[in-house]
Structure formats: C-alpha cells, structure tokens
Amino acid sequence: MLNRRLSDAPRARARSLRLLAAVAFAATVSAPAGAQHDAPNVLFAIADDWGFPHASAYGDPVVETPTFDRIASEGALAHHAYVSSPSCTPSRGAILTGQWHWRLEGAANLWSVFPDRLETYQELLRAAGYRTGMTGKGWGPGRTETEDRELVGRRFENFEQFLAGLGEAQPFAFWLGTSDPHRPFRRGSGEESGMDLDAIQLPAAFPDHPDTRGDVADYHWEVQRFDALVGDALRLLDEQGLAETTIVVMTSDHGMPFPRCKSNLYDCGSRVPLAIRWPERLEAGVEIDAFVSLTDLAPTFLEAAGLPRPAAMTGRSLIALIEAGNDEAAIEAAVVADGRDFVLTGKERHVPAQEAPDVGGYPGRAIRTHDFLYIRNFRPDRWPNGTPNHEQAAYPGAWYADTDNGPTKTYMIEQRDRDAEHRRLYELAFGKRPAVELYDLRNDPEQQVNVAGEPEYETTRDELGERLMERLQATGDPRVIGGGDAFDEYPYLGGAPRHPSLPRLRPGAIRPPPADQP
C-alpha cells in the first residue's frame, strides 16, 4: 500500500519513546537562565549539488572555500563521505532519518511523499527540548504525508533571526540550507569572477572544451557563494559566544549537476565534501580516511545530545571515530567496530524519464571500498540518465532528463559523433549499461573502465556482489527481499506526466520544478 500510515498502537509507542527521551533530557536543558547547558548545539550546513573534491581543502586549484577549510582545520576533514542516494529528496530523507533511502518507501524517489511513520533527528531533538529551525532548502522536493509537518523544524528567514529567539540555556539544532550550486547557473559568472579556466581540473568523463570549462567555473562560483553563507553563520556563533559548544557540519546532498555525476552511483555523483568541527570533543586537524555515510549524522547528533539511537536507524554514530582523532590504533578499532571499510549507495527514480509507457527510474545499488566500486543495475534495459527519445518520454519534454540541462550536457550530446573520444564520453554518460559494473580504483580512480567481465576480476566481482546483497538483505531493501517494483509506482509530484499510468497526488499542490531542470 502506498504511503501507508502507522496504526494507533505504533504511533502511541513512538510518542512514548519521544516522551521518555524528553524526560531523560530535561535535567540537561532546564538549567537556570545564564547557565551553560551540557548538550551541544548543532549547525548543519548543506549545499545543493556540491561534489567532491571541489574545495580548496581537498586541493582544488580554482575554487576557494575558506569557510570549509576553516571548519576542516579546526576539526576534521573526511575524505570518503558518501550520500545514500545521488538525488536531492532521497538523500535528504536519508540524512534526516539516519536510514538508507531504500527503507523510506516513496521518499526513496525525487518529488515524493515523506511517510508519517518516519521520524527525523530534528523532530527527536525538538521533543527532547532543543530549539530547532531551518532556512533555505530543507527536505525535498516533495511533501509530507500529513500537511505542514515540520521535518526539519520551523522555517526562519535566516540564522540570525533563529538565534534571536534562543533561550540562554537552551541547546539548538539548525539546518542551514541553500539552493547553491544547483542549476541553472549564470553563464560566465565564474570566469567574470576571475577564475582561470585553464586551471580547472575537469573530471575524466568530461570533454575538454571551453563550454565545459566555463560551465564548471560557473558551478565553482556558486560553491563559493555557499561557502560565504556558512562563513556568515560562523561569525554569528563567534559573536554570540556559541562556537565552543556547537557542532558544525558542512557538506552536500550529492555530487555536481553534470553528466555521469548527479543521479549516478559513481564518485562524481555520490561522494561529497564533509568537514566537522566540535571543539569540546574533536581535536583540530583530524583527517578521516574511513568511510562515512551521511546516514551516520543523525545517530551522531542524537548520541552527542545524550539521546538513544532509534532501532530503525541504519546509520552508525561517528562519535568513536571523532574521538579517535589521529590515533591510528583508535581509528582502526572504530573502523572495525562499525564496518567502515566500505560504504553503500543506491538510486531509485529521479524523474520518470523512460520511454512511455515505462515510468520507472533506473534502480541500482553500489558498494565502494578503497580499491573497488561495484554497481548492480537492476534494470539495465532502461536508460540510466533518461531516454534520448524525448517525444516518446513518459515525462513531457524529457531529454536525457536525469541529467540537468546545461552547456556541458548540450555539448556532449550535440558533439557525440564528432570523433571516437566524444562518442566514448557520450556513451559513458548517457548510454545503456550492463547489469554489473566493477571499477578497479587502484588503476582507474575516475571509474572509466568496467572490468566486471575480465577473468582476473571474477573473484573480486563475485565477493563484492555477495557482500552487497547480504547488506541489502539485512537492511530490508525491497529490491532484494521483494517488492522493489513499488518504487516505480509511488506518486511523482514534480509536474504533469505524459503517461496516465504514473500515479499523482493532488495535482498542482506544489510548484513544479523550473522548465530546464528535472
């Protein structure tokens, strides 16, 4: 049943758990005015479509991110942080719930409905006495099953307005969102700002052309605007004496909005920047090389607040890894205890961009280790980034619609038959893919050559495939345990579908996306 509701009994149990958490937490937050509270504040800053390694802290030669670099230098810089899904709605839902997106029913898709049965870490913190709020882009795009439910907290115009209403002894959890660097970009903005286009390090999957370099520069310019936004928030913390008691996390919901990146399970789509500062518990200058999923943030925030981790959460708290600092023995113990030698990612429907009457997405799951990336595509018969036959698409006007429109996309498609290299890059981005992909990251870090069919990789391929299926089975993934076709049937709220077989809820209830974006 789509978007099912909890029965009264489970709802009552959920309310009881929140009440117990609030009672247990009351002593911490009920200190007299002017007293210091023990529970840390949380400032979570999340970009929209910012991918790894586009920060100066990672060595990018063009983009300048002084705020991100400051957080990293005063705390920890994660080198292997991954989203649950490289699509806005499921990624943000996974962050908020601390669960893999395939456990979120329809919310595993873009432009979907968030089920009532799921709780967010912001709601749990609010029930325990925290002041919660948000600005900019929160969860979504989509809507909640119960209208006007505040998944992230009450909306404020900005962080300063939120802090103005804060009680002296009350901890807070604030979600600082933005639409940067989501498309559309202002063309030429990067070069106009002084960026050297020749210095840009293009992903190997992009053709080297002025249109592409300019497009990446425009993306970098919006990354810098997000960095400045977070910088303003840090100054407010400093001015109000809150810096020492606040956990600051700066990251993104998935990779850059370019071909073979956003909405793809390669690193360019699923790997994101992540910096964490927590003066009370985290020493400065920590480098985290273990795998981190952004589903780990919710249990981390709850543990930091002294609250229990809900049984439904599949994420693992980062506290042990954070406290390990640069102690190699402690790091190894944390990696072994939490299984941080690998990470999982996956994808369901981004937009209904297949050829009518097929309205499904491109379902896939992946397991990433330091040496290999293994991807299982459940429907290799479908187009991985949307059909090239837009006149036959289930979504009106869809044109390779899982890839956002922009100069790089246009150039790659229009010039696909220019020569063999252009054709190769076009096929990597838009062509159909086999059921199994395997990339040897020791020799192919940018994941260009699929070695799944090579005899010398047979053992590795089979072992990673088994390991992936075991984890998906253990976490109740419908694509493995049965019922995965339901992901194609959940309602899509982002615009009028061409084909009547695609369910819809309350047409016109929310604003559809801009015409040039999925």
Foldseek 3Di string as FASTA:
>chain_A
DALDADDPVLVVVVVVQLLVLQVVLVVQQVDDFPDAGQFFAEEEEAEAAAAPPLEVCNPFPFFYQVLLNVLCQQFNWEPAEWFQFLFQQLRLVLLFQLARSLVQGLSLEAAFEGHPSTAGLQVSVVSNFAQFEEEADHHHDYAYPDHPDDRRHHYDPAPVVSVVPDTRRHHYYYYYYHHAPPDDFDQPPQVVVPTDLVSGDDQPLFDDDPQVSRRVSRNSVRVNVSSVRVVVVVVVCVVVVRVQRYKYKYKYSWHHQAFCARLHPFSNTIHMIIGIHHNVQAGGNFYHHFHAYSSQNSCQSQVSSVHDDDPLNPHHHCRQVRNCGNVVVSNVVVCVVSVRQKDKHWHWAHFQQWFPPQRTAFTKMWMDGPFKIKIFTPCLVTKSQHDCPQVRTQAHSQHSANRFDGSRVVCLVVCCVVDDVSVLSNCSRTNGDDRMFMDGCVVCVSRRDGCCPPPVCVVVNVVRVVVRLVVCVVSVRCVRPHDNCSNSAGARQADDTNHPSHDHDDHPPDYHDPPRHD
